[in-house]
Amino acid sequence: MRPHGPHPIAALCLALAAAAPAACSDPSRERALAELGPEDQGGPSPNHRRGQPCLLCHDATGGAKPEMVVAGTVYATPAADADGADDVEVQFVDASGGGPLNNPFTLFPSGNFFVTKSDWPDLTYPFKVRLLKNGQPVAIMTSTVNREGSCNFCHRPNPPEPYTDEDRERARRSYGQIYVGAAPSP
């Protein structure tokens, strides 16, 4: 005869259900979110957090609105303190020959751009990218984007001098910021 109280299998199911949310966390994502630091003054806007990997928050998992499939920042020059590039068209072609319903343009003053899930619901990796200013190509990415829609994941902002050891390590893991103009002369 079994003693009164919860059935052992029912107790196990309750314990597993209680532990499930903790088991579904992503420590790498949580660490990357923490590294972003505090929100910009004035809060979220299309110009906030320039140079940071947008899809950490703005993909299906992050939950921030709008949901984006591609996003990044384009700078006017390679200088560490460069302004964002203004009115640069970002064009894409994916593996199926498609692209977003509308090509995004960079926003001033940040240089940020983004493509929402609703503008490119059937994005098929890999995709290619090029930048146009006044209808003319100014930068063409020679490799394909294979899995990461946050352009700033690979193209981090150039650090200011003097470089710290942390700056050097970050630069070692980055292709450098995306820019459309030449560096200013000293």
N, C-alpha and C. Protein backbone atom coordinates (compact mmCIF):
# COMPACT_ATOMS: atom_id res chain seq x y z
N MET A 1 0.83 -1.18 0.00
CA MET A 1 0.00 0.00 0.00
C MET A 1 0.88 1.25 0.00
N ARG A 2 0.60 2.18 -0.90
CA ARG A 2 1.36 3.41 -1.04
C ARG A 2 0.88 4.42 -0.01
N PRO A 3 1.84 5.15 0.64
CA PRO A 3 1.42 6.15 1.61
C PRO A 3 0.72 7.30 0.91
N HIS A 4 -0.07 8.05 1.67
CA HIS A 4 -0.77 9.22 1.12
C HIS A 4 0.23 10.31 0.80
N GLY A 5 -0.10 11.14 -0.14
CA GLY A 5 0.79 12.24 -0.56
C GLY A 5 0.96 12.19 -2.06
N PRO A 6 1.76 13.08 -2.61
CA PRO A 6 1.92 13.13 -4.06
C PRO A 6 2.58 11.88 -4.59
N HIS A 7 2.11 11.48 -5.73
CA HIS A 7 2.68 10.32 -6.41
C HIS A 7 4.11 10.67 -6.81
N PRO A 8 5.08 9.73 -6.69
CA PRO A 8 6.48 10.05 -7.01
C PRO A 8 6.67 10.57 -8.44
N ILE A 9 5.96 10.05 -9.40
CA ILE A 9 6.11 10.52 -10.79
C ILE A 9 5.55 11.93 -10.92
N ALA A 10 4.43 12.20 -10.24
CA ALA A 10 3.86 13.55 -10.28
C ALA A 10 4.83 14.54 -9.65
N ALA A 11 5.46 14.16 -8.56
CA ALA A 11 6.43 15.05 -7.90
C ALA A 11 7.62 15.31 -8.82
N LEU A 12 8.09 14.29 -9.53
CA LEU A 12 9.20 14.45 -10.46
C LEU A 12 8.81 15.40 -11.60
N CYS A 13 7.61 15.25 -12.13
CA CYS A 13 7.14 16.12 -13.21
C CYS A 13 7.07 17.58 -12.74
N LEU A 14 6.58 17.81 -11.54
CA LEU A 14 6.52 19.17 -10.99
C LEU A 14 7.92 19.76 -10.84
N ALA A 15 8.86 18.95 -10.35
CA ALA A 15 10.23 19.43 -10.18
C ALA A 15 10.86 19.78 -11.53
N LEU A 16 10.64 18.96 -12.56
CA LEU A 16 11.18 19.24 -13.89
C LEU A 16 10.56 20.49 -14.49
N ALA A 17 9.26 20.66 -14.30
CA ALA A 17 8.57 21.83 -14.83
C ALA A 17 9.10 23.10 -14.17
N ALA A 18 9.37 23.04 -12.86
CA ALA A 18 9.90 24.20 -12.15
C ALA A 18 11.31 24.54 -12.61
N ALA A 19 12.11 23.55 -12.97
CA ALA A 19 13.50 23.77 -13.37
C ALA A 19 13.63 24.15 -14.84
N ALA A 20 12.60 23.92 -15.64
CA ALA A 20 12.69 24.14 -17.09
C ALA A 20 13.10 25.56 -17.47
N PRO A 21 12.50 26.62 -16.89
CA PRO A 21 12.93 27.97 -17.31
C PRO A 21 14.41 28.22 -17.09
N ALA A 22 14.97 27.75 -16.00
CA ALA A 22 16.40 27.94 -15.74
C ALA A 22 17.24 27.16 -16.73
N ALA A 23 16.76 26.00 -17.14
CA ALA A 23 17.51 25.17 -18.08
C ALA A 23 17.50 25.76 -19.48
N CYS A 24 16.56 26.64 -19.78
CA CYS A 24 16.44 27.21 -21.12
C CYS A 24 17.20 28.52 -21.27
N SER A 25 17.89 28.98 -20.24
CA SER A 25 18.62 30.23 -20.36
C SER A 25 19.86 30.00 -21.22
N ASP A 26 20.37 31.07 -21.78
CA ASP A 26 21.55 31.02 -22.63
C ASP A 26 22.63 31.89 -22.00
N PRO A 27 23.57 31.28 -21.29
CA PRO A 27 24.60 32.08 -20.60
C PRO A 27 25.43 32.96 -21.52
N SER A 28 25.71 32.50 -22.74
CA SER A 28 26.49 33.31 -23.68
C SER A 28 25.73 34.57 -24.07
N ARG A 29 24.44 34.41 -24.36
CA ARG A 29 23.60 35.55 -24.73
C ARG A 29 23.47 36.51 -23.55
N GLU A 30 23.26 35.97 -22.36
CA GLU A 30 23.11 36.82 -21.17
C GLU A 30 24.40 37.60 -20.90
N ARG A 31 25.56 36.98 -21.10
CA ARG A 31 26.85 37.66 -20.91
C ARG A 31 27.00 38.78 -21.95
N ALA A 32 26.64 38.48 -23.21
CA ALA A 32 26.74 39.49 -24.27
C ALA A 32 25.81 40.67 -23.99
N LEU A 33 24.61 40.40 -23.49
CA LEU A 33 23.68 41.47 -23.14
C LEU A 33 24.24 42.33 -22.01
N ALA A 34 24.83 41.69 -21.02
CA ALA A 34 25.42 42.43 -19.90
C ALA A 34 26.56 43.32 -20.37
N GLU A 35 27.34 42.86 -21.36
CA GLU A 35 28.46 43.63 -21.89
C GLU A 35 28.01 44.89 -22.64
N LEU A 36 26.74 44.94 -23.05
CA LEU A 36 26.24 46.13 -23.75
C LEU A 36 26.24 47.35 -22.86
N GLY A 37 26.12 47.14 -21.56
CA GLY A 37 26.07 48.26 -20.64
C GLY A 37 24.68 48.87 -20.58
N PRO A 38 24.57 50.02 -19.88
CA PRO A 38 23.26 50.64 -19.71
C PRO A 38 22.72 51.20 -21.02
N GLU A 39 21.42 51.37 -21.05
CA GLU A 39 20.73 51.92 -22.21
C GLU A 39 21.20 53.36 -22.45
N ASP A 40 21.17 53.79 -23.71
CA ASP A 40 21.51 55.18 -24.05
C ASP A 40 20.56 56.12 -23.33
N GLN A 41 21.05 57.34 -23.06
CA GLN A 41 20.20 58.35 -22.46
C GLN A 41 19.03 58.62 -23.40
N GLY A 42 17.85 58.67 -22.89
CA GLY A 42 16.67 58.87 -23.72
C GLY A 42 15.99 57.56 -24.12
N GLY A 43 16.63 56.44 -23.85
CA GLY A 43 16.01 55.14 -24.08
C GLY A 43 16.06 54.68 -25.52
N PRO A 44 15.38 53.57 -25.79
CA PRO A 44 15.42 52.98 -27.14
C PRO A 44 14.86 53.93 -28.20
N SER A 45 15.53 53.93 -29.34
CA SER A 45 15.10 54.66 -30.53
C SER A 45 15.86 54.06 -31.70
N PRO A 46 15.51 54.38 -32.93
CA PRO A 46 16.28 53.86 -34.07
C PRO A 46 17.75 54.27 -34.06
N ASN A 47 18.10 55.31 -33.31
CA ASN A 47 19.48 55.78 -33.25
C ASN A 47 20.25 55.27 -32.04
N HIS A 48 19.63 54.44 -31.20
CA HIS A 48 20.32 54.04 -29.98
C HIS A 48 21.32 52.91 -30.21
N ARG A 49 22.26 52.81 -29.28
CA ARG A 49 23.26 51.73 -29.21
C ARG A 49 24.01 51.50 -30.52
N ARG A 50 24.42 52.57 -31.17
CA ARG A 50 25.15 52.41 -32.44
C ARG A 50 26.41 51.58 -32.21
N GLY A 51 26.71 50.74 -33.19
CA GLY A 51 27.89 49.89 -33.12
C GLY A 51 27.72 48.63 -32.29
N GLN A 52 26.56 48.44 -31.70
CA GLN A 52 26.34 47.24 -30.89
C GLN A 52 25.53 46.21 -31.67
N PRO A 53 25.65 44.92 -31.33
CA PRO A 53 24.95 43.86 -32.07
C PRO A 53 23.44 43.90 -31.82
N CYS A 54 22.71 44.52 -32.71
CA CYS A 54 21.29 44.82 -32.56
C CYS A 54 20.43 43.58 -32.29
N LEU A 55 20.76 42.46 -32.93
CA LEU A 55 19.89 41.30 -32.85
C LEU A 55 19.97 40.58 -31.50
N LEU A 56 20.89 40.97 -30.63
CA LEU A 56 20.86 40.40 -29.28
C LEU A 56 19.51 40.68 -28.63
N CYS A 57 18.97 41.85 -28.90
CA CYS A 57 17.66 42.22 -28.34
C CYS A 57 16.53 42.12 -29.36
N HIS A 58 16.85 42.42 -30.63
CA HIS A 58 15.80 42.59 -31.64
C HIS A 58 15.58 41.37 -32.54
N ASP A 59 15.88 40.16 -32.08
CA ASP A 59 15.51 38.97 -32.85
C ASP A 59 14.36 38.28 -32.14
N ALA A 60 13.94 37.15 -32.65
CA ALA A 60 12.78 36.44 -32.07
C ALA A 60 13.02 36.04 -30.62
N THR A 61 14.26 35.74 -30.25
CA THR A 61 14.58 35.33 -28.89
C THR A 61 14.68 36.53 -27.95
N GLY A 62 15.24 37.64 -28.43
CA GLY A 62 15.45 38.82 -27.58
C GLY A 62 14.17 39.50 -27.17
N GLY A 63 13.18 39.52 -28.05
CA GLY A 63 11.87 40.04 -27.71
C GLY A 63 11.67 41.53 -27.89
N ALA A 64 12.73 42.32 -28.14
CA ALA A 64 12.55 43.76 -28.34
C ALA A 64 11.88 44.00 -29.68
N LYS A 65 11.07 45.05 -29.75
CA LYS A 65 10.36 45.40 -30.97
C LYS A 65 11.01 46.62 -31.60
N PRO A 66 11.08 46.71 -32.92
CA PRO A 66 10.60 45.72 -33.86
C PRO A 66 11.55 44.52 -33.95
N GLU A 67 11.00 43.36 -34.34
CA GLU A 67 11.85 42.20 -34.58
C GLU A 67 12.60 42.42 -35.89
N MET A 68 13.91 42.23 -35.84
CA MET A 68 14.77 42.49 -37.00
C MET A 68 15.44 41.20 -37.45
N VAL A 69 15.79 41.13 -38.74
CA VAL A 69 16.55 39.99 -39.25
C VAL A 69 17.98 40.40 -39.64
N VAL A 70 18.19 41.68 -39.95
CA VAL A 70 19.51 42.22 -40.24
C VAL A 70 19.54 43.64 -39.68
N ALA A 71 20.67 44.01 -39.07
CA ALA A 71 20.81 45.37 -38.55
C ALA A 71 22.28 45.67 -38.31
N GLY A 72 22.63 46.94 -38.36
CA GLY A 72 24.02 47.32 -38.12
C GLY A 72 24.19 48.82 -38.12
N THR A 73 25.45 49.24 -38.22
CA THR A 73 25.82 50.65 -38.20
C THR A 73 26.85 50.89 -39.29
N VAL A 74 26.69 51.99 -40.03
CA VAL A 74 27.66 52.42 -41.03
C VAL A 74 28.18 53.79 -40.59
N TYR A 75 29.51 53.92 -40.55
CA TYR A 75 30.15 55.16 -40.13
C TYR A 75 30.61 55.96 -41.35
N ALA A 76 30.80 57.25 -41.15
CA ALA A 76 31.26 58.12 -42.24
C ALA A 76 32.72 57.84 -42.60
N THR A 77 33.56 57.52 -41.60
CA THR A 77 34.99 57.25 -41.82
C THR A 77 35.42 56.12 -40.88
N PRO A 78 36.66 55.64 -41.00
CA PRO A 78 37.14 54.61 -40.07
C PRO A 78 37.58 55.16 -38.72
N ALA A 79 37.53 56.47 -38.51
CA ALA A 79 37.97 57.06 -37.24
C ALA A 79 37.13 56.53 -36.09
N ALA A 80 37.77 56.37 -34.93
CA ALA A 80 37.08 55.84 -33.76
C ALA A 80 35.91 56.71 -33.32
N ASP A 81 36.00 58.01 -33.54
CA ASP A 81 34.93 58.93 -33.12
C ASP A 81 34.08 59.40 -34.30
N ALA A 82 34.06 58.62 -35.38
CA ALA A 82 33.36 59.02 -36.61
C ALA A 82 31.87 59.17 -36.39
N ASP A 83 31.29 60.10 -37.12
CA ASP A 83 29.83 60.23 -37.16
C ASP A 83 29.26 59.04 -37.90
N GLY A 84 27.98 58.80 -37.70
CA GLY A 84 27.29 57.80 -38.49
C GLY A 84 27.11 58.31 -39.91
N ALA A 85 27.18 57.42 -40.87
CA ALA A 85 26.96 57.81 -42.26
C ALA A 85 25.49 58.12 -42.46
N ASP A 86 25.22 59.16 -43.21
CA ASP A 86 23.85 59.61 -43.45
C ASP A 86 23.37 59.19 -44.83
N ASP A 87 22.16 58.64 -44.88
CA ASP A 87 21.47 58.39 -46.15
C ASP A 87 22.23 57.43 -47.07
N VAL A 88 22.79 56.36 -46.50
CA VAL A 88 23.44 55.32 -47.29
C VAL A 88 22.46 54.17 -47.44
N GLU A 89 22.24 53.73 -48.68
CA GLU A 89 21.34 52.61 -48.92
C GLU A 89 22.10 51.30 -48.72
N VAL A 90 21.48 50.37 -48.02
CA VAL A 90 22.08 49.06 -47.78
C VAL A 90 21.29 48.05 -48.60
N GLN A 91 21.96 47.40 -49.57
CA GLN A 91 21.30 46.42 -50.44
C GLN A 91 21.74 45.01 -50.08
N PHE A 92 20.81 44.08 -50.21
CA PHE A 92 21.05 42.68 -49.88
C PHE A 92 20.55 41.78 -50.99
N VAL A 93 21.22 40.64 -51.18
CA VAL A 93 20.73 39.56 -52.03
C VAL A 93 21.03 38.27 -51.29
N ASP A 94 19.98 37.46 -51.06
CA ASP A 94 20.19 36.23 -50.30
C ASP A 94 20.37 35.03 -51.23
N ALA A 95 20.53 33.85 -50.64
CA ALA A 95 20.82 32.63 -51.39
C ALA A 95 19.73 32.27 -52.39
N SER A 96 18.51 32.73 -52.15
CA SER A 96 17.42 32.43 -53.08
C SER A 96 17.24 33.52 -54.13
N GLY A 97 18.14 34.52 -54.12
CA GLY A 97 18.04 35.62 -55.07
C GLY A 97 17.11 36.72 -54.61
N GLY A 98 16.58 36.59 -53.40
CA GLY A 98 15.65 37.58 -52.87
C GLY A 98 16.33 38.62 -52.01
N GLY A 99 15.53 39.53 -51.53
CA GLY A 99 15.99 40.58 -50.64
C GLY A 99 14.81 41.15 -49.89
N PRO A 100 15.06 42.14 -49.06
CA PRO A 100 13.95 42.74 -48.30
C PRO A 100 12.99 43.47 -49.22
N LEU A 101 11.77 43.66 -48.75
CA LEU A 101 10.77 44.40 -49.53
C LEU A 101 11.24 45.82 -49.78
N ASN A 102 11.93 46.40 -48.82
CA ASN A 102 12.48 47.75 -48.95
C ASN A 102 13.91 47.75 -48.43
N ASN A 103 14.85 48.27 -49.22
CA ASN A 103 16.22 48.38 -48.74
C ASN A 103 16.28 49.48 -47.69
N PRO A 104 16.96 49.23 -46.57
CA PRO A 104 17.05 50.27 -45.55
C PRO A 104 18.07 51.33 -45.92
N PHE A 105 17.91 52.52 -45.35
CA PHE A 105 18.87 53.61 -45.45
C PHE A 105 19.36 53.89 -44.05
N THR A 106 20.63 54.32 -43.93
CA THR A 106 21.16 54.64 -42.62
C THR A 106 20.47 55.89 -42.08
N LEU A 107 20.41 55.95 -40.76
CA LEU A 107 19.77 57.06 -40.07
C LEU A 107 20.83 57.97 -39.47
N PHE A 108 20.62 59.27 -39.58
CA PHE A 108 21.55 60.22 -38.97
C PHE A 108 21.00 60.59 -37.62
N PRO A 109 21.77 60.71 -36.56
CA PRO A 109 23.21 60.81 -36.54
C PRO A 109 23.94 59.49 -36.29
N SER A 110 23.22 58.40 -36.05
CA SER A 110 23.87 57.16 -35.62
C SER A 110 24.52 56.36 -36.75
N GLY A 111 23.94 56.39 -37.94
CA GLY A 111 24.39 55.52 -39.02
C GLY A 111 23.75 54.14 -38.94
N ASN A 112 22.81 53.96 -38.01
CA ASN A 112 22.15 52.66 -37.86
C ASN A 112 21.22 52.37 -39.03
N PHE A 113 21.04 51.10 -39.34
CA PHE A 113 20.05 50.63 -40.31
C PHE A 113 19.51 49.31 -39.81
N PHE A 114 18.33 48.93 -40.29
CA PHE A 114 17.78 47.63 -39.92
C PHE A 114 16.74 47.18 -40.93
N VAL A 115 16.56 45.86 -40.99
CA VAL A 115 15.51 45.24 -41.80
C VAL A 115 14.65 44.43 -40.84
N THR A 116 13.36 44.72 -40.84
CA THR A 116 12.45 44.00 -39.94
C THR A 116 12.09 42.64 -40.53
N LYS A 117 11.64 41.77 -39.66
CA LYS A 117 11.18 40.43 -40.07
C LYS A 117 10.04 40.56 -41.08
N SER A 118 9.16 41.53 -40.88
CA SER A 118 8.04 41.69 -41.82
C SER A 118 8.50 42.19 -43.19
N ASP A 119 9.65 42.88 -43.27
CA ASP A 119 10.19 43.33 -44.56
C ASP A 119 10.99 42.25 -45.28
N TRP A 120 11.42 41.22 -44.55
CA TRP A 120 12.18 40.14 -45.18
C TRP A 120 11.85 38.83 -44.47
N PRO A 121 10.60 38.37 -44.62
CA PRO A 121 10.16 37.19 -43.87
C PRO A 121 10.80 35.89 -44.33
N ASP A 122 11.30 35.85 -45.57
CA ASP A 122 11.85 34.60 -46.10
C ASP A 122 13.35 34.69 -46.36
N LEU A 123 14.08 35.46 -45.53
CA LEU A 123 15.53 35.56 -45.64
C LEU A 123 16.15 34.17 -45.64
N THR A 124 17.00 33.91 -46.63
CA THR A 124 17.69 32.62 -46.75
C THR A 124 19.19 32.88 -46.74
N TYR A 125 19.85 32.41 -45.68
CA TYR A 125 21.31 32.55 -45.60
C TYR A 125 21.96 31.63 -46.61
N PRO A 126 23.16 31.99 -47.09
CA PRO A 126 23.91 33.22 -46.86
C PRO A 126 23.37 34.36 -47.72
N PHE A 127 23.79 35.59 -47.39
CA PHE A 127 23.42 36.73 -48.21
C PHE A 127 24.63 37.63 -48.43
N LYS A 128 24.53 38.48 -49.48
CA LYS A 128 25.58 39.44 -49.81
C LYS A 128 25.06 40.85 -49.54
N VAL A 129 26.01 41.78 -49.34
CA VAL A 129 25.66 43.15 -48.96
C VAL A 129 26.50 44.14 -49.77
N ARG A 130 25.88 45.27 -50.14
CA ARG A 130 26.63 46.39 -50.68
C ARG A 130 25.99 47.68 -50.21
N LEU A 131 26.79 48.74 -50.17
CA LEU A 131 26.35 50.06 -49.73
C LEU A 131 26.36 51.01 -50.91
N LEU A 132 25.33 51.84 -51.03
CA LEU A 132 25.24 52.82 -52.10
C LEU A 132 25.01 54.21 -51.51
N LYS A 133 25.67 55.18 -52.10
CA LYS A 133 25.46 56.59 -51.74
C LYS A 133 25.09 57.31 -53.02
N ASN A 134 23.95 57.98 -53.01
CA ASN A 134 23.45 58.66 -54.22
C ASN A 134 23.35 57.69 -55.39
N GLY A 135 22.97 56.44 -55.12
CA GLY A 135 22.77 55.44 -56.15
C GLY A 135 24.03 54.77 -56.65
N GLN A 136 25.19 55.18 -56.14
CA GLN A 136 26.48 54.63 -56.59
C GLN A 136 27.08 53.72 -55.52
N PRO A 137 27.60 52.55 -55.90
CA PRO A 137 28.23 51.67 -54.91
C PRO A 137 29.44 52.35 -54.25
N VAL A 138 29.50 52.29 -52.92
CA VAL A 138 30.64 52.84 -52.19
C VAL A 138 31.36 51.76 -51.38
N ALA A 139 30.72 50.64 -51.15
CA ALA A 139 31.36 49.52 -50.46
C ALA A 139 30.60 48.25 -50.80
N ILE A 140 31.35 47.20 -51.13
CA ILE A 140 30.75 45.90 -51.44
C ILE A 140 31.44 44.86 -50.56
N MET A 141 30.66 44.15 -49.78
CA MET A 141 31.23 43.11 -48.94
C MET A 141 31.62 41.94 -49.83
N THR A 142 32.89 41.54 -49.76
CA THR A 142 33.38 40.51 -50.68
C THR A 142 33.03 39.09 -50.23
N SER A 143 32.78 38.91 -48.95
CA SER A 143 32.36 37.59 -48.47
C SER A 143 30.85 37.59 -48.24
N THR A 144 30.31 36.43 -47.95
CA THR A 144 28.88 36.35 -47.66
C THR A 144 28.66 36.38 -46.15
N VAL A 145 27.46 36.77 -45.77
CA VAL A 145 27.02 36.70 -44.38
C VAL A 145 26.35 35.34 -44.25
N ASN A 146 26.91 34.49 -43.41
CA ASN A 146 26.46 33.10 -43.38
C ASN A 146 25.48 32.73 -42.28
N ARG A 147 25.45 33.49 -41.18
CA ARG A 147 24.56 33.07 -40.10
C ARG A 147 24.16 34.17 -39.13
N GLU A 148 24.83 35.29 -39.14
CA GLU A 148 24.61 36.32 -38.13
C GLU A 148 24.09 37.59 -38.77
N GLY A 149 22.86 37.98 -38.45
CA GLY A 149 22.26 39.17 -39.03
C GLY A 149 22.66 40.46 -38.35
N SER A 150 23.34 40.40 -37.21
CA SER A 150 23.86 41.58 -36.54
C SER A 150 25.21 41.92 -37.15
N CYS A 151 25.23 42.87 -38.04
CA CYS A 151 26.49 43.23 -38.70
C CYS A 151 27.56 43.61 -37.68
N ASN A 152 27.13 44.27 -36.58
CA ASN A 152 28.07 44.72 -35.56
C ASN A 152 28.61 43.57 -34.71
N PHE A 153 28.12 42.38 -34.91
CA PHE A 153 28.69 41.21 -34.22
C PHE A 153 30.12 41.00 -34.71
N CYS A 154 30.33 41.16 -36.01
CA CYS A 154 31.66 41.00 -36.60
C CYS A 154 32.36 42.34 -36.82
N HIS A 155 31.60 43.38 -37.13
CA HIS A 155 32.15 44.70 -37.44
C HIS A 155 31.96 45.62 -36.24
N ARG A 156 32.84 45.50 -35.26
CA ARG A 156 32.74 46.31 -34.05
C ARG A 156 33.38 47.67 -34.29
N PRO A 157 32.93 48.69 -33.54
CA PRO A 157 33.52 50.02 -33.71
C PRO A 157 35.02 50.01 -33.43
N ASN A 158 35.76 50.81 -34.18
CA ASN A 158 37.19 50.94 -33.96
C ASN A 158 37.43 51.66 -32.63
N PRO A 159 38.33 51.15 -31.78
CA PRO A 159 38.56 51.77 -30.48
C PRO A 159 39.42 53.03 -30.60
N PRO A 160 39.23 53.97 -29.67
CA PRO A 160 40.09 55.16 -29.67
C PRO A 160 41.48 54.82 -29.14
N GLU A 161 42.46 55.61 -29.53
CA GLU A 161 43.81 55.43 -28.99
C GLU A 161 43.93 56.21 -27.70
N PRO A 162 44.78 55.88 -26.77
CA PRO A 162 45.70 54.74 -26.79
C PRO A 162 44.93 53.44 -26.51
N TYR A 163 45.37 52.36 -27.15
CA TYR A 163 44.68 51.08 -27.04
C TYR A 163 45.02 50.39 -25.72
N THR A 164 43.99 49.82 -25.11
CA THR A 164 44.20 48.99 -23.93
C THR A 164 44.35 47.55 -24.39
N ASP A 165 44.75 46.67 -23.49
CA ASP A 165 44.83 45.24 -23.83
C ASP A 165 43.46 44.72 -24.24
N GLU A 166 42.41 45.20 -23.56
CA GLU A 166 41.05 44.79 -23.91
C GLU A 166 40.69 45.26 -25.32
N ASP A 167 41.08 46.50 -25.67
CA ASP A 167 40.83 47.01 -27.03
C ASP A 167 41.52 46.13 -28.07
N ARG A 168 42.76 45.76 -27.81
CA ARG A 168 43.50 44.93 -28.76
C ARG A 168 42.84 43.56 -28.93
N GLU A 169 42.35 42.99 -27.83
CA GLU A 169 41.69 41.69 -27.92
C GLU A 169 40.38 41.80 -28.70
N ARG A 170 39.61 42.83 -28.45
CA ARG A 170 38.36 43.03 -29.20
C ARG A 170 38.65 43.26 -30.68
N ALA A 171 39.67 44.05 -30.97
CA ALA A 171 40.02 44.32 -32.37
C ALA A 171 40.48 43.05 -33.07
N ARG A 172 41.15 42.18 -32.35
CA ARG A 172 41.61 40.92 -32.93
C ARG A 172 40.43 40.07 -33.39
N ARG A 173 39.29 40.22 -32.72
CA ARG A 173 38.11 39.41 -33.05
C ARG A 173 37.11 40.18 -33.91
N SER A 174 37.51 41.27 -34.52
CA SER A 174 36.59 42.10 -35.29
C SER A 174 37.16 42.43 -36.66
N TYR A 175 36.28 42.67 -37.61
CA TYR A 175 36.69 43.13 -38.94
C TYR A 175 36.78 44.64 -38.99
N GLY A 176 36.47 45.31 -37.89
CA GLY A 176 36.48 46.77 -37.86
C GLY A 176 35.15 47.33 -38.30
N GLN A 177 34.94 48.60 -37.98
CA GLN A 177 33.65 49.21 -38.29
C GLN A 177 33.46 49.36 -39.79
N ILE A 178 32.20 49.37 -40.19
CA ILE A 178 31.81 49.57 -41.59
C ILE A 178 31.80 51.09 -41.83
N TYR A 179 32.46 51.55 -42.90
CA TYR A 179 32.48 52.97 -43.18
C TYR A 179 32.45 53.21 -44.68
N VAL A 180 32.10 54.44 -45.07
CA VAL A 180 31.96 54.75 -46.50
C VAL A 180 32.91 55.83 -46.99
N GLY A 181 33.61 56.52 -46.10
CA GLY A 181 34.52 57.59 -46.52
C GLY A 181 35.94 57.32 -46.06
N ALA A 182 36.84 58.13 -46.55
CA ALA A 182 38.25 57.99 -46.18
C ALA A 182 38.49 58.60 -44.80
N ALA A 183 39.55 58.14 -44.18
CA ALA A 183 39.94 58.70 -42.89
C ALA A 183 40.38 60.16 -43.08
N PRO A 184 40.05 61.02 -42.13
CA PRO A 184 40.48 62.41 -42.26
C PRO A 184 42.00 62.51 -42.17
N SER A 185 42.57 63.47 -42.87
CA SER A 185 44.02 63.67 -42.83
C SER A 185 44.42 64.28 -41.50
N PRO A 186 45.59 63.84 -40.95
CA PRO A 186 46.02 64.40 -39.65
C PRO A 186 46.48 65.83 -39.78
